[in-house]
Amino acid sequence: MHPKDRHTRQSFLRQVGATAVALTAGAPLVAACSNKTAVSASTGAGGKLLGPSGLPLARPDQPVTFPLWRDPIKSGMNPETGGSFSIFNYADYIYPKVAHDFGKKYGVDVKVVTFSSMD
């Protein structure tokens, strides 16, 4: 047997042994990452399905509506005019003509304030 062949066989056996050890040691780690909690829906008042937080689950045959906090703006009302409207956005994210046209259409002064990072 050639010494080179023995070296190749030894390195192969080492790699196989290391792989076996890694797989054996990694099994508990993988098992610890699994999710064993099942999320199930419960039935609330009126037979409506509730999610895990107790909120109703929306379905095509069961729409969900929440109470309004205040009265909404009635339809057909004219928008307010004469004020200022500030847009705080990334630099070069909004086309200046869009802001200008919006201000012209609704009678407000549009001010675009930009930033370059989330900080």
Protein backbone atom coordinates (compact mmCIF):
# COMPACT_ATOMS: atom_id res chain seq x y z
CA MET A 1 0.00 0.00 0.00
CA HIS A 2 1.27 3.42 -0.92
CA PRO A 3 1.71 5.96 1.96
CA LYS A 4 -0.38 8.50 0.05
CA ASP A 5 -3.32 6.08 -0.08
CA ARG A 6 -3.13 5.54 3.68
CA HIS A 7 -3.11 9.31 4.32
CA THR A 8 -6.20 9.79 2.14
CA ARG A 9 -8.01 6.97 3.92
CA GLN A 10 -7.09 8.40 7.33
CA SER A 11 -8.32 11.87 6.43
CA PHE A 12 -11.53 10.36 5.06
CA LEU A 13 -12.13 8.44 8.28
CA ARG A 14 -11.46 11.58 10.33
CA GLN A 15 -13.97 13.54 8.26
CA VAL A 16 -16.59 10.82 8.61
CA GLY A 17 -16.02 10.70 12.38
CA ALA A 18 -16.22 14.48 12.70
CA THR A 19 -19.44 14.53 10.69
CA ALA A 20 -20.97 11.83 12.88
CA VAL A 21 -20.04 13.76 16.04
CA ALA A 22 -21.44 17.00 14.61
CA LEU A 23 -24.73 15.36 13.61
CA THR A 24 -25.09 13.68 16.99
CA ALA A 25 -24.33 16.89 18.90
CA GLY A 26 -26.53 19.01 16.64
CA ALA A 27 -29.72 16.94 17.06
CA PRO A 28 -30.65 18.39 20.48
CA LEU A 29 -30.00 21.90 19.18
CA VAL A 30 -32.33 21.37 16.23
CA ALA A 31 -34.96 19.80 18.50
CA ALA A 32 -34.78 22.80 20.85
CA CYS A 33 -35.55 25.14 17.95
CA SER A 34 -38.72 23.36 16.92
CA ASN A 35 -42.11 24.85 17.74
CA LYS A 36 -44.19 22.44 19.78
CA THR A 37 -46.96 24.88 20.63
CA ALA A 38 -50.06 24.62 18.52
CA VAL A 39 -52.12 27.69 17.85
CA SER A 40 -55.78 26.87 17.68
CA ALA A 41 -58.89 28.95 17.33
CA SER A 42 -61.51 28.98 20.03
CA THR A 43 -65.17 29.88 19.80
CA GLY A 44 -66.36 33.08 21.43
CA ALA A 45 -69.76 34.63 22.02
CA GLY A 46 -72.15 34.08 19.15
CA GLY A 47 -70.11 31.14 17.81
CA LYS A 48 -67.50 33.39 16.16
CA LEU A 49 -63.97 32.05 15.87
CA LEU A 50 -61.41 33.80 18.05
CA GLY A 51 -57.67 33.86 17.51
CA PRO A 52 -55.03 33.17 20.17
CA SER A 53 -55.26 36.75 21.49
CA GLY A 54 -59.05 36.57 21.85
CA LEU A 55 -59.70 38.81 18.82
CA PRO A 56 -62.17 37.62 16.19
CA LEU A 57 -60.72 35.93 13.11
CA ALA A 58 -61.83 37.45 9.80
CA ARG A 59 -63.21 35.03 7.22
CA PRO A 60 -64.96 35.64 3.88
CA ASP A 61 -68.20 34.41 5.41
CA GLN A 62 -67.53 36.15 8.74
CA PRO A 63 -66.29 39.75 8.27
CA VAL A 64 -64.90 41.50 11.32
CA THR A 65 -65.84 45.09 12.16
CA PHE A 66 -64.51 47.04 15.09
CA PRO A 67 -66.26 49.99 16.74
CA LEU A 68 -65.17 53.43 15.53
CA TRP A 69 -63.32 55.60 18.00
CA ARG A 70 -64.81 58.82 16.69
CA ASP A 71 -67.28 59.83 14.03
CA PRO A 72 -65.67 59.55 10.59
CA ILE A 73 -65.57 62.46 8.16
CA LYS A 74 -68.89 62.62 6.42
CA SER A 75 -68.81 62.06 2.66
CA GLY A 76 -69.31 65.01 0.37
CA MET A 77 -67.48 67.47 2.63
CA ASN A 78 -64.91 69.78 1.08
CA PRO A 79 -61.30 69.30 2.24
CA GLU A 80 -59.75 71.96 4.46
CA THR A 81 -57.69 74.58 2.65
CA GLY A 82 -55.18 77.27 3.53
CA GLY A 83 -53.05 75.23 5.90
CA SER A 84 -49.64 73.67 5.60
CA PHE A 85 -48.90 70.02 4.92
CA SER A 86 -45.52 68.62 5.94
CA ILE A 87 -44.03 65.46 4.44
CA PHE A 88 -41.14 63.89 6.36
CA ASN A 89 -39.47 61.40 4.04
CA TYR A 90 -36.19 60.10 2.60
CA ALA A 91 -34.32 62.51 0.36
CA ASP A 92 -35.17 62.09 -3.34
CA TYR A 93 -37.95 59.62 -2.46
CA ILE A 94 -40.84 61.82 -3.53
CA TYR A 95 -40.94 63.63 -6.83
CA PRO A 96 -41.19 67.39 -6.08
CA LYS A 97 -43.82 67.91 -8.81
CA VAL A 98 -46.16 65.45 -7.02
CA ALA A 99 -45.94 67.47 -3.78
CA HIS A 100 -46.41 70.74 -5.69
CA ASP A 101 -49.44 69.42 -7.61
CA PHE A 102 -50.99 68.08 -4.39
CA GLY A 103 -50.64 71.47 -2.72
CA LYS A 104 -52.12 73.23 -5.72
CA LYS A 105 -55.06 70.83 -5.95
CA TYR A 106 -56.00 71.00 -2.25
CA GLY A 107 -55.01 74.61 -1.56
CA VAL A 108 -52.29 73.88 1.00
CA ASP A 109 -48.65 74.80 1.34
CA VAL A 110 -46.64 71.55 1.01
CA LYS A 111 -43.32 71.43 2.83
CA VAL A 112 -41.03 68.43 2.22
CA VAL A 113 -38.50 67.76 4.99
CA THR A 114 -35.98 65.05 4.13
CA PHE A 115 -33.64 62.77 6.02
CA SER A 116 -30.94 60.38 4.82
CA SER A 117 -30.96 57.64 7.49
CA MET A 118 -33.29 56.19 10.12
CA ASP A 119 -31.02 57.60 12.86
